[in-house]
Protein backbone atom coordinates (compact mmCIF):
# COMPACT_ATOMS: atom_id res chain seq x y z
CA MET A 1 -0.61 -26.41 -12.76
CA THR A 2 2.91 -27.78 -12.21
CA GLU A 3 2.95 -31.10 -10.35
CA ILE A 4 5.63 -31.19 -7.65
CA PRO A 5 5.93 -33.93 -5.03
CA ALA A 6 5.12 -32.08 -1.82
CA ARG A 7 7.09 -32.60 1.38
CA GLY A 8 4.79 -30.86 3.85
CA ARG A 9 1.43 -29.17 3.49
CA VAL A 10 0.31 -25.60 4.04
CA VAL A 11 -2.49 -25.77 6.62
CA HIS A 12 -4.52 -22.57 6.47
CA THR A 13 -6.33 -21.64 9.69
CA GLY A 14 -7.65 -18.25 8.55
CA GLN A 15 -10.73 -17.00 6.75
CA ALA A 16 -11.70 -17.47 3.10
CA VAL A 17 -14.35 -14.90 2.14
CA VAL A 18 -15.90 -13.36 -0.95
CA ASP A 19 -14.51 -10.09 -2.29
CA LEU A 20 -16.66 -7.60 -4.12
CA VAL A 21 -13.86 -5.84 -6.01
CA MET A 22 -14.76 -2.39 -7.32
CA GLN A 23 -12.45 -0.33 -9.52
CA ILE A 24 -12.81 3.42 -8.82
CA SER A 25 -10.86 6.56 -9.67
CA ALA A 26 -10.58 7.66 -6.04
CA LEU A 27 -12.37 7.17 -2.74
CA PRO A 28 -15.42 9.45 -2.50
CA VAL A 29 -15.50 12.13 0.16
CA THR A 30 -17.92 11.57 3.03
CA GLY A 31 -21.53 11.94 1.93
CA SER A 32 -20.81 11.82 -1.80
CA ASP A 33 -21.12 9.10 -4.45
CA VAL A 34 -18.94 7.55 -7.13
CA PHE A 35 -19.52 5.04 -9.92
CA ALA A 36 -17.20 2.04 -10.20
CA ARG A 37 -15.69 1.21 -13.56
CA SER A 38 -16.15 -2.47 -12.79
CA ALA A 39 -17.44 -4.73 -10.03
CA THR A 40 -16.66 -8.43 -9.60
CA PHE A 41 -17.57 -11.06 -7.02
CA THR A 42 -14.63 -13.39 -6.42
CA ALA A 43 -13.14 -15.54 -3.67
CA GLY A 44 -10.72 -13.53 -1.55
CA GLY A 45 -9.35 -13.08 1.95
CA GLY A 46 -7.55 -16.24 2.99
CA PHE A 47 -8.22 -17.78 -0.41
CA ASN A 48 -5.57 -15.48 -1.88
CA VAL A 49 -2.90 -17.07 0.35
CA MET A 50 -4.10 -20.59 -0.41
CA ALA A 51 -4.18 -19.97 -4.16
CA ALA A 52 -0.63 -18.60 -4.09
CA ALA A 53 0.65 -21.60 -2.15
CA ALA A 54 -1.18 -24.11 -4.34
CA ARG A 55 -0.05 -22.50 -7.61
CA ASP A 56 3.52 -22.61 -6.34
CA GLY A 57 3.20 -26.37 -5.91
CA ALA A 58 2.32 -26.97 -2.27
CA LYS A 59 -0.50 -29.16 -1.02
CA VAL A 60 -2.93 -26.89 0.82
CA VAL A 61 -5.49 -27.75 3.50
CA TYR A 62 -8.19 -25.34 4.73
CA VAL A 63 -9.41 -25.85 8.30
CA GLY A 64 -11.33 -22.58 8.54
CA GLY A 65 -15.06 -21.97 8.39
CA HIS A 66 -17.33 -21.67 5.35
CA GLY A 67 -21.06 -21.12 4.97
CA SER A 68 -24.10 -22.65 3.37
CA GLY A 69 -25.18 -20.07 0.83
CA PRO A 70 -24.12 -18.43 -2.45
CA PHE A 71 -20.97 -16.88 -1.01
CA GLY A 72 -19.95 -20.20 0.52
CA ASP A 73 -20.47 -21.82 -2.88
CA ILE A 74 -18.16 -19.24 -4.50
CA VAL A 75 -15.40 -19.87 -1.96
CA ARG A 76 -15.64 -23.67 -2.11
CA ALA A 77 -15.62 -23.67 -5.91
CA ALA A 78 -12.53 -21.45 -5.92
CA MET A 79 -10.68 -23.64 -3.42
CA THR A 80 -11.57 -26.76 -5.40
CA SER A 81 -10.31 -25.14 -8.61
CA VAL A 82 -6.77 -24.78 -7.19
CA GLY A 83 -6.74 -28.13 -5.40
CA VAL A 84 -7.27 -26.99 -1.80
CA GLN A 85 -8.57 -29.70 0.53
CA VAL A 86 -11.47 -28.40 2.66
CA MET A 87 -11.56 -30.19 6.02
CA SER A 88 -14.52 -28.72 7.90
CA ALA A 89 -18.22 -29.05 7.14
CA GLN A 90 -20.11 -25.99 5.97
CA HIS A 91 -22.03 -24.01 8.57
CA PRO A 92 -25.67 -25.22 8.50
CA SER A 93 -27.37 -21.83 8.87
CA MET A 94 -24.87 -19.09 8.03
CA ASP A 95 -23.29 -17.99 4.75
CA THR A 96 -19.65 -17.05 4.20
CA GLY A 97 -18.86 -13.38 4.82
CA PHE A 98 -17.76 -10.83 2.26
CA SER A 99 -15.52 -7.82 1.83
CA VAL A 100 -15.99 -4.78 -0.39
CA ALA A 101 -12.55 -4.04 -1.88
CA LEU A 102 -12.20 -0.56 -3.38
CA VAL A 103 -9.21 -0.27 -5.74
CA ASP A 104 -8.29 3.25 -6.85
CA ASP A 105 -6.16 4.66 -9.68
CA GLU A 106 -3.08 4.61 -7.44
CA ALA A 107 -3.51 0.81 -7.14
CA GLU A 108 -4.25 1.20 -3.43
CA ARG A 109 -7.11 -0.76 -1.90
CA THR A 110 -9.57 -0.06 0.89
CA PHE A 111 -11.75 -2.72 2.51
CA ILE A 112 -15.12 -2.88 4.27
CA SER A 113 -15.88 -6.36 5.59
CA SER A 114 -18.85 -8.30 6.93
CA LEU A 115 -18.33 -11.42 9.06
CA GLY A 116 -19.97 -14.73 8.23
CA ALA A 117 -19.49 -18.43 8.94
CA GLU A 118 -15.70 -18.10 8.64
CA GLY A 119 -15.76 -16.26 11.97
CA HIS A 120 -17.39 -19.12 13.89
CA VAL A 121 -14.72 -21.81 14.06
CA VAL A 122 -14.49 -24.31 16.92
CA ILE A 123 -11.38 -26.12 18.11
CA ASP A 124 -12.51 -29.42 16.57
CA ASP A 125 -12.20 -27.76 13.15
CA TYR A 126 -8.47 -27.32 13.78
CA ARG A 127 -8.09 -30.74 15.35
CA ALA A 128 -9.53 -32.35 12.23
CA VAL A 129 -6.14 -32.14 10.52
CA GLU A 130 -3.39 -34.49 11.69
CA LEU A 131 -0.20 -32.47 11.50
CA THR A 132 3.09 -34.10 10.58
CA SER A 133 6.68 -32.87 10.54
CA GLY A 134 7.28 -30.60 7.56
CA ASP A 135 3.79 -29.11 7.53
CA VAL A 136 3.41 -25.33 7.66
CA VAL A 137 0.54 -23.86 9.69
CA TYR A 138 -0.55 -20.45 8.44
CA VAL A 139 -2.09 -18.15 11.09
CA SER A 140 -3.91 -14.93 10.21
CA GLY A 141 -4.19 -12.04 12.63
CA TYR A 142 -7.80 -11.68 11.53
CA SER A 143 -8.56 -14.95 13.33
CA LEU A 144 -7.55 -13.33 16.60
CA LEU A 145 -10.15 -10.59 16.15
CA HIS A 146 -13.11 -12.99 16.07
CA THR A 147 -14.16 -14.28 19.50
CA ALA A 148 -14.83 -17.90 18.53
CA ASN A 149 -11.82 -18.26 16.23
CA ARG A 150 -9.50 -16.64 18.77
CA ALA A 151 -10.60 -18.99 21.56
CA ALA A 152 -10.15 -22.05 19.35
CA LEU A 153 -6.82 -20.94 17.93
CA VAL A 154 -5.09 -19.99 21.17
CA ALA A 155 -6.19 -23.32 22.71
CA TRP A 156 -5.02 -25.37 19.72
CA LEU A 157 -1.84 -23.58 18.63
CA PRO A 158 0.30 -24.56 21.67
CA THR A 159 -0.45 -28.21 20.86
CA VAL A 160 1.05 -27.94 17.36
CA PRO A 161 3.93 -30.44 17.42
CA ASP A 162 7.61 -29.70 16.95
CA GLY A 163 8.69 -30.03 13.35
CA VAL A 164 5.67 -28.06 12.15
CA VAL A 165 6.51 -24.49 11.09
CA VAL A 166 4.05 -21.80 12.16
CA VAL A 167 3.88 -18.77 9.85
CA VAL A 168 2.00 -15.73 11.18
CA ASP A 169 0.57 -12.93 9.03
CA PRO A 170 -0.72 -10.39 11.59
CA SER A 171 -3.03 -8.37 9.26
CA PRO A 172 -3.48 -4.57 9.08
CA LEU A 173 -5.55 -4.73 12.28
CA VAL A 174 -2.66 -6.11 14.35
CA ALA A 175 -2.92 -3.27 16.89
CA GLU A 176 -6.45 -4.43 17.78
CA ILE A 177 -5.46 -8.01 18.65
CA PRO A 178 -5.83 -8.71 22.41
CA SER A 179 -2.38 -8.80 23.98
CA ASP A 180 -2.88 -12.14 25.75
CA ALA A 181 -3.86 -13.87 22.51
CA LEU A 182 -0.98 -12.23 20.67
CA ALA A 183 1.46 -13.47 23.31
CA ILE A 184 0.30 -17.07 22.84
CA VAL A 185 0.72 -16.81 19.08
CA CYS A 186 4.20 -15.28 19.45
CA GLY A 187 5.11 -18.13 21.77
CA ARG A 188 4.60 -20.66 18.96
CA ALA A 189 5.45 -18.59 15.89
CA ASP A 190 8.46 -19.53 13.77
CA ILE A 191 8.13 -16.97 10.96
CA TRP A 192 6.40 -13.57 11.19
CA SER A 193 5.48 -12.28 7.72
CA THR A 194 4.35 -8.66 7.64
CA ASN A 195 4.68 -5.28 5.94
CA ARG A 196 6.20 -2.05 7.23
CA SER A 197 2.90 -0.47 8.23
CA GLU A 198 1.78 -3.49 10.28
CA ALA A 199 5.20 -3.79 11.92
CA GLY A 200 5.14 -0.15 12.98
CA LEU A 201 1.66 -0.54 14.43
CA LEU A 202 2.64 -3.58 16.47
CA ILE A 203 5.74 -2.10 18.10
CA ARG A 204 4.21 1.40 18.16
CA GLU A 205 7.14 2.97 16.34
CA PRO A 206 5.93 3.63 12.79
CA ASN A 207 8.72 6.00 11.77
CA LEU A 208 11.75 3.72 12.16
CA VAL A 209 13.95 3.05 9.14
CA VAL A 210 13.27 -0.38 7.72
CA THR A 211 16.40 -2.08 9.10
CA ASP A 212 15.74 -0.87 12.64
CA LEU A 213 12.08 -1.81 12.26
CA ALA A 214 12.94 -5.38 11.24
CA GLY A 215 15.29 -5.84 14.18
CA ARG A 216 12.92 -4.33 16.71
CA LEU A 217 10.04 -6.44 15.45
CA ARG A 218 12.17 -9.61 15.63
CA ASP A 219 12.97 -8.84 19.26
CA HIS A 220 9.30 -8.16 19.98
CA VAL A 221 7.86 -11.37 18.49
CA ASP A 222 10.93 -13.57 19.19
CA CYS A 223 10.97 -15.40 15.87
CA THR A 224 12.30 -14.96 12.34
CA VAL A 225 10.77 -11.89 10.68
CA VAL A 226 10.14 -11.42 6.96
CA LEU A 227 9.40 -7.72 6.54
CA ARG A 228 7.89 -6.80 3.19
CA ASP A 229 9.02 -3.46 1.75
CA GLY A 230 7.00 -3.02 -1.43
CA GLN A 231 8.94 -3.03 -4.69
CA ASP A 232 12.20 -3.01 -2.71
CA GLY A 233 11.57 -6.64 -1.78
CA CYS A 234 11.82 -7.76 1.82
CA TRP A 235 14.13 -7.95 4.81
CA ILE A 236 14.80 -11.09 6.82
CA ALA A 237 15.63 -10.72 10.50
CA PRO A 238 16.71 -14.19 11.71
CA ARG A 239 15.53 -15.31 15.12
CA ASP A 240 19.12 -15.19 16.40
CA PRO A 241 19.61 -11.53 17.37
CA LEU A 242 23.33 -11.82 16.59
CA ALA A 243 22.67 -12.88 13.00
CA PRO A 244 22.80 -10.10 10.38
CA LEU A 245 19.74 -8.79 8.60
CA LEU A 246 19.33 -10.03 5.04
CA HIS A 247 17.90 -8.00 2.17
CA MET A 248 16.12 -9.89 -0.59
CA PRO A 249 15.80 -7.48 -3.56
CA GLY A 250 12.42 -7.02 -5.19
CA ALA A 251 11.52 -6.75 -8.85
CA PRO A 252 10.27 -3.23 -9.69
CA VAL A 253 7.17 -3.29 -11.91
CA GLN A 254 4.35 -0.98 -12.92
CA ALA A 255 1.64 -1.87 -10.42
CA LEU A 256 -1.95 -2.03 -11.64
CA ASP A 257 -3.58 -3.49 -8.53
CA THR A 258 -1.88 -4.15 -5.18
CA ASN A 259 -4.89 -6.03 -3.81
CA GLY A 260 -3.63 -9.40 -2.55
CA ALA A 261 0.08 -8.74 -3.09
CA GLY A 262 0.95 -9.42 0.53
CA ASP A 263 -1.19 -12.57 0.45
CA THR A 264 0.70 -13.77 -2.62
CA HIS A 265 4.03 -13.12 -0.92
CA THR A 266 3.10 -14.97 2.27
CA GLY A 267 1.43 -17.83 0.40
CA VAL A 268 4.49 -18.50 -1.74
CA LEU A 269 6.76 -18.08 1.28
CA ALA A 270 4.75 -20.71 3.19
CA ALA A 271 4.67 -23.02 0.19
CA GLU A 272 8.42 -22.89 -0.28
CA VAL A 273 9.04 -23.64 3.40
CA ALA A 274 6.66 -26.61 3.11
CA LEU A 275 8.51 -27.76 -0.01
CA GLY A 276 11.80 -27.73 1.87
CA ASN A 277 13.31 -24.46 0.68
CA ASP A 278 15.30 -22.27 3.08
CA ILE A 279 13.96 -18.88 4.15
CA GLU A 280 16.21 -16.93 1.77
CA GLY A 281 15.17 -18.92 -1.27
CA ALA A 282 11.55 -18.78 -0.17
CA ALA A 283 11.70 -14.99 0.18
CA ARG A 284 13.25 -14.56 -3.27
CA ARG A 285 10.44 -16.55 -4.89
CA ALA A 286 7.85 -14.70 -2.83
CA ASN A 287 9.23 -11.33 -4.00
CA ILE A 288 8.95 -12.38 -7.64
CA ALA A 289 5.46 -13.81 -7.21
CA ALA A 290 4.21 -10.65 -5.50
CA ALA A 291 5.72 -8.47 -8.24
CA ILE A 292 3.94 -10.48 -10.93
CA SER A 293 0.65 -10.36 -9.02
CA VAL A 294 0.45 -6.55 -8.88
CA THR A 295 0.63 -6.33 -12.68
CA ARG A 296 -2.78 -8.03 -12.85
CA HIS A 297 -6.22 -6.92 -11.73
CA GLY A 298 -7.88 -8.87 -8.93
CA PRO A 299 -7.09 -10.18 -5.45
CA ALA A 300 -6.04 -13.76 -6.27
CA THR A 301 -3.59 -13.06 -9.12
CA SER A 302 -0.65 -15.13 -7.89
CA PRO A 303 1.33 -16.74 -10.72
CA GLU A 304 1.93 -20.41 -11.47
CA ARG A 305 5.22 -21.98 -10.42
CA SER A 306 6.54 -22.03 -13.99
CA GLU A 307 5.99 -18.26 -14.29
CA ILE A 308 7.89 -17.65 -11.07
CA ASP A 309 10.73 -19.88 -12.28
CA LEU A 310 11.14 -17.91 -15.50
CA ALA A 311 10.91 -14.50 -13.85
CA LEU A 312 13.26 -15.54 -11.05
CA ALA A 313 15.85 -16.77 -13.53
CA ASP A 314 15.72 -13.43 -15.36
CA ARG A 315 15.95 -11.46 -12.13
CA SER A 316 18.76 -13.64 -10.80
CA ALA A 317 20.82 -13.07 -13.94
CA GLU A 318 20.23 -9.33 -13.63
CA LEU A 319 21.37 -9.30 -9.99
CA GLY A 320 24.26 -11.70 -10.55
CA PHE A 321 23.31 -14.68 -8.39
CA VAL A 322 22.21 -18.23 -9.13
CA ALA A 323 18.59 -18.84 -8.18
CA PRO A 324 18.26 -21.95 -6.02
CA GLY A 325 16.01 -24.83 -6.89
CA LEU A 326 15.32 -24.07 -10.56
CA SER A 327 17.09 -27.03 -12.11
CA GLY A 328 15.79 -29.58 -9.62
CA SER A 329 12.41 -28.17 -8.64
CA SER A 330 10.42 -31.01 -10.20
CA ALA A 331 12.18 -33.53 -7.98
CA ARG A 332 11.08 -32.00 -4.68
């Protein structure tokens, strides 16, 4: 892994779980059966974001929950393997939860999840990390769906000091987040990283064209929006409503498995902000990282920093712009 002097850290407040990834031809109809071509137990959920950030060169801290059992062991081993610092103690009587991830021949994925120790966080878990200017706090919308985590997060988040950037990834279940909790998160959010489907669910207008969607979402959450648009890259809607929307082109590839692509994008985005990159440069790297990740099977397939550098240089030459930070990245 490339060693880069980190400026700030990525502090992950979400949930690392175990994924049972099953490759299938198509989802079975109700009441029927289907055999998977393969089945693998691997760390997933919030681990995907942490792995992406760590492989891109950021220091990563996990303040979420983890259990005492075989699934907890899988998650801790995975975090250790990419250099993530685990702050909280393991739950004494509960294992880490898991998610069944069904990946079909169209590279789409469907999840069924079971909650474990990661859904029983207390505020002292978050307080265990001493935040400093330049850190990036990553907030998952899934945290706001779990009673204990939601209570701890909405009490702690308003105390996050100025100079710390809060990045929110609302999750596909954003429409189920209680409105009062969502309002508190919006009140401290600096960057809202989401895809088109989630954005449409939140503002209840799923059929808007992407540019209108980005602007409407920015007005709704009152912070900078990074709206992912598949292989077309992403759109940036700056917090200032008078500032123009920015399109960061993607890198079209033949997708094999989209599981974890959004996590890769947000993880690299958060890492680049922590490393001192601006939002445009961060989004360009995130686009490239996500494109590489979908060419590989598995949820945590984010590339190393050196891979992103090479692919970004090629893509930059193709599009006719100079990629920022390539010549001096080792000095950050």
